[in-house]
Every structure is written in C-alpha cells, then in structure tokens.
Amino acid sequence: MPDGDGLEATVKIKFAIPHIKIIILSVSDNVQDFFEAIKRSTQGYLLKNMEPEYWLDYIVSIVQGNSHIPGAGSQNPAGICRSEAGSYR
C-alpha cells in the first residue's frame, strides 16, 4: 500500500467507522502478525493459501457476530477471531 500497511489502514478505518468488521487476508502465518492484527481490533485473520470454501463459512460467521477458533489445537493462528467485546473464544 502506498500510504502504509493494512494494519495502519485498519486503525484508520476503525476510527472512522467503529462498528465495521475487518478480517485480515494475509500470506503471513507468523503468530506475531496475527496477534498484532487482533490488537488493532480486527475481527478475524485468514491466510491466502487456505481453501476458498473455508473463507466463505468464516466470513459469514464473522458477519453474523460469531466468534470461534476453527481448527482449535492447530499451530496456525489463521481463522482465530475475536468477539466485539475483545474476548477470545
């Protein structure tokens, strides 16, 4: 992005539209990147190399206000999401 990165954009968007739900779509499976996205108030994190049919279910779940950890127990943080209140499930 010419004027920053996706995390910086997330902060600006959330400031302007607090009720918006943001899901990061990334190539990074680094746990630190995932937690940085969550700290910036994203509702979810998906990896670009995941199966697209998984994306749809996950995105619909976020839009419906659900918060869950698909594939719990996995070393991969992708798909872990946060509820509006900020608690992890």
C-alpha atoms as a PDB file:
ATOM      1  CA  MET A   1       0.000   0.000   0.000  1.00  0.00           C
ATOM      2  CA  PRO A   2       1.444   3.373  -0.938  1.00  0.00           C
ATOM      3  CA  ASP A   3       0.499   5.205   2.283  1.00  0.00           C
ATOM      4  CA  GLY A   4       1.143   2.492   4.874  1.00  0.00           C
ATOM      5  CA  ASP A   5       0.191  -1.104   5.524  1.00  0.00           C
ATOM      6  CA  GLY A   6      -3.020  -2.992   6.191  1.00  0.00           C
ATOM      7  CA  LEU A   7      -2.678  -2.701   9.952  1.00  0.00           C
ATOM      8  CA  GLU A   8      -2.344   1.068   9.771  1.00  0.00           C
ATOM      9  CA  ALA A   9      -5.370   1.166   7.473  1.00  0.00           C
ATOM     10  CA  THR A  10      -7.303  -0.973   9.973  1.00  0.00           C
ATOM     11  CA  VAL A  11      -6.764   1.590  12.739  1.00  0.00           C
ATOM     12  CA  LYS A  12      -7.880   4.449  10.488  1.00  0.00           C
ATOM     13  CA  ILE A  13     -10.953   2.582   9.253  1.00  0.00           C
ATOM     14  CA  LYS A  14     -11.996   1.524  12.784  1.00  0.00           C
ATOM     15  CA  PHE A  15     -11.615   5.124  13.971  1.00  0.00           C
ATOM     16  CA  ALA A  16     -13.806   6.413  11.141  1.00  0.00           C
ATOM     17  CA  ILE A  17     -16.351   3.548  11.253  1.00  0.00           C
ATOM     18  CA  PRO A  18     -16.174   1.868  14.696  1.00  0.00           C
ATOM     19  CA  HIS A  19     -18.878  -0.718  14.009  1.00  0.00           C
ATOM     20  CA  ILE A  20     -17.227  -2.109  10.848  1.00  0.00           C
ATOM     21  CA  LYS A  21     -15.904  -5.682  10.935  1.00  0.00           C
ATOM     22  CA  ILE A  22     -12.445  -6.220   9.497  1.00  0.00           C
ATOM     23  CA  ILE A  23     -10.876  -9.537   8.525  1.00  0.00           C
ATOM     24  CA  ILE A  24      -7.200  -9.548   7.548  1.00  0.00           C
ATOM     25  CA  LEU A  25      -6.316 -11.633   4.495  1.00  0.00           C
ATOM     26  CA  SER A  26      -2.577 -12.306   4.617  1.00  0.00           C
ATOM     27  CA  VAL A  27       0.229 -14.506   3.355  1.00  0.00           C
ATOM     28  CA  SER A  28       1.850 -14.424   6.798  1.00  0.00           C
ATOM     29  CA  ASP A  29       1.273 -17.325   9.156  1.00  0.00           C
ATOM     30  CA  ASN A  30       3.508 -15.695  11.759  1.00  0.00           C
ATOM     31  CA  VAL A  31       1.782 -15.706  15.153  1.00  0.00           C
ATOM     32  CA  GLN A  32       3.124 -12.237  15.960  1.00  0.00           C
ATOM     33  CA  ASP A  33       1.469 -10.841  12.820  1.00  0.00           C
ATOM     34  CA  PHE A  34      -1.805 -12.478  13.839  1.00  0.00           C
ATOM     35  CA  PHE A  35      -1.732 -11.011  17.362  1.00  0.00           C
ATOM     36  CA  GLU A  36      -0.789  -7.577  16.027  1.00  0.00           C
ATOM     37  CA  ALA A  37      -3.881  -7.693  13.790  1.00  0.00           C
ATOM     38  CA  ILE A  38      -6.069  -8.659  16.756  1.00  0.00           C
ATOM     39  CA  LYS A  39      -4.575  -5.843  18.870  1.00  0.00           C
ATOM     40  CA  ARG A  40      -5.625  -3.465  16.101  1.00  0.00           C
ATOM     41  CA  SER A  41      -9.258  -4.555  16.545  1.00  0.00           C
ATOM     42  CA  THR A  42      -9.702  -6.868  13.581  1.00  0.00           C
ATOM     43  CA  GLN A  43     -12.403  -9.497  13.923  1.00  0.00           C
ATOM     44  CA  GLY A  44     -10.545 -12.195  12.025  1.00  0.00           C
ATOM     45  CA  TYR A  45      -7.439 -13.357  10.200  1.00  0.00           C
ATOM     46  CA  LEU A  46      -7.322 -15.606   7.145  1.00  0.00           C
ATOM     47  CA  LEU A  47      -4.378 -16.911   5.159  1.00  0.00           C
ATOM     48  CA  LYS A  48      -4.370 -16.539   1.391  1.00  0.00           C
ATOM     49  CA  ASN A  49      -3.316 -20.162   0.919  1.00  0.00           C
ATOM     50  CA  MET A  50      -6.360 -21.544   2.757  1.00  0.00           C
ATOM     51  CA  GLU A  51      -9.139 -23.260   0.829  1.00  0.00           C
ATOM     52  CA  PRO A  52     -11.574 -20.630  -0.513  1.00  0.00           C
ATOM     53  CA  GLU A  53     -14.627 -22.593   0.622  1.00  0.00           C
ATOM     54  CA  TYR A  54     -13.358 -22.184   4.199  1.00  0.00           C
ATOM     55  CA  TRP A  55     -13.232 -18.405   3.708  1.00  0.00           C
ATOM     56  CA  LEU A  56     -16.933 -18.136   2.934  1.00  0.00           C
ATOM     57  CA  ASP A  57     -18.031 -20.006   6.066  1.00  0.00           C
ATOM     58  CA  TYR A  58     -15.633 -17.987   8.189  1.00  0.00           C
ATOM     59  CA  ILE A  59     -16.670 -14.624   6.747  1.00  0.00           C
ATOM     60  CA  VAL A  60     -20.374 -15.424   7.134  1.00  0.00           C
ATOM     61  CA  SER A  61     -19.703 -16.420  10.749  1.00  0.00           C
ATOM     62  CA  ILE A  62     -17.975 -13.090  11.451  1.00  0.00           C
ATOM     63  CA  VAL A  63     -20.761 -11.106   9.762  1.00  0.00           C
ATOM     64  CA  GLN A  64     -23.309 -12.939  11.920  1.00  0.00           C
ATOM     65  CA  GLY A  65     -21.386 -11.878  15.016  1.00  0.00           C
ATOM     66  CA  ASN A  66     -19.984 -15.286  15.909  1.00  0.00           C
ATOM     67  CA  SER A  67     -16.534 -15.723  17.337  1.00  0.00           C
ATOM     68  CA  HIS A  68     -14.800 -19.073  17.287  1.00  0.00           C
ATOM     69  CA  ILE A  69     -11.471 -20.776  16.712  1.00  0.00           C
ATOM     70  CA  PRO A  70     -11.833 -23.106  13.742  1.00  0.00           C
ATOM     71  CA  GLY A  71      -9.426 -25.993  13.914  1.00  0.00           C
ATOM     72  CA  ALA A  72      -8.596 -25.374  17.568  1.00  0.00           C
ATOM     73  CA  GLY A  73      -5.363 -27.021  18.545  1.00  0.00           C
ATOM     74  CA  SER A  74      -3.667 -26.086  15.304  1.00  0.00           C
ATOM     75  CA  GLN A  75      -0.318 -24.308  15.458  1.00  0.00           C
ATOM     76  CA  ASN A  76      -1.589 -21.973  12.761  1.00  0.00           C
ATOM     77  CA  PRO A  77      -3.319 -18.829  14.050  1.00  0.00           C
ATOM     78  CA  ALA A  78      -5.379 -18.299  10.886  1.00  0.00           C
ATOM     79  CA  GLY A  79      -9.073 -18.211  11.467  1.00  0.00           C
ATOM     80  CA  ILE A  80      -8.832 -17.311  15.117  1.00  0.00           C
ATOM     81  CA  CYS A  81     -11.133 -14.417  15.689  1.00  0.00           C
ATOM     82  CA  ARG A  82     -12.153 -12.065  18.399  1.00  0.00           C
ATOM     83  CA  SER A  83     -15.572 -11.057  19.601  1.00  0.00           C
ATOM     84  CA  GLU A  84     -16.688  -7.428  19.579  1.00  0.00           C
ATOM     85  CA  ALA A  85     -16.017  -7.250  23.324  1.00  0.00           C
ATOM     86  CA  GLY A  86     -12.408  -8.303  22.765  1.00  0.00           C
ATOM     87  CA  SER A  87     -12.540 -11.705  24.434  1.00  0.00           C
ATOM     88  CA  TYR A  88     -11.124 -14.792  22.761  1.00  0.00           C
ATOM     89  CA  ARG A  89     -13.108 -17.962  22.250  1.00  0.00           C
END
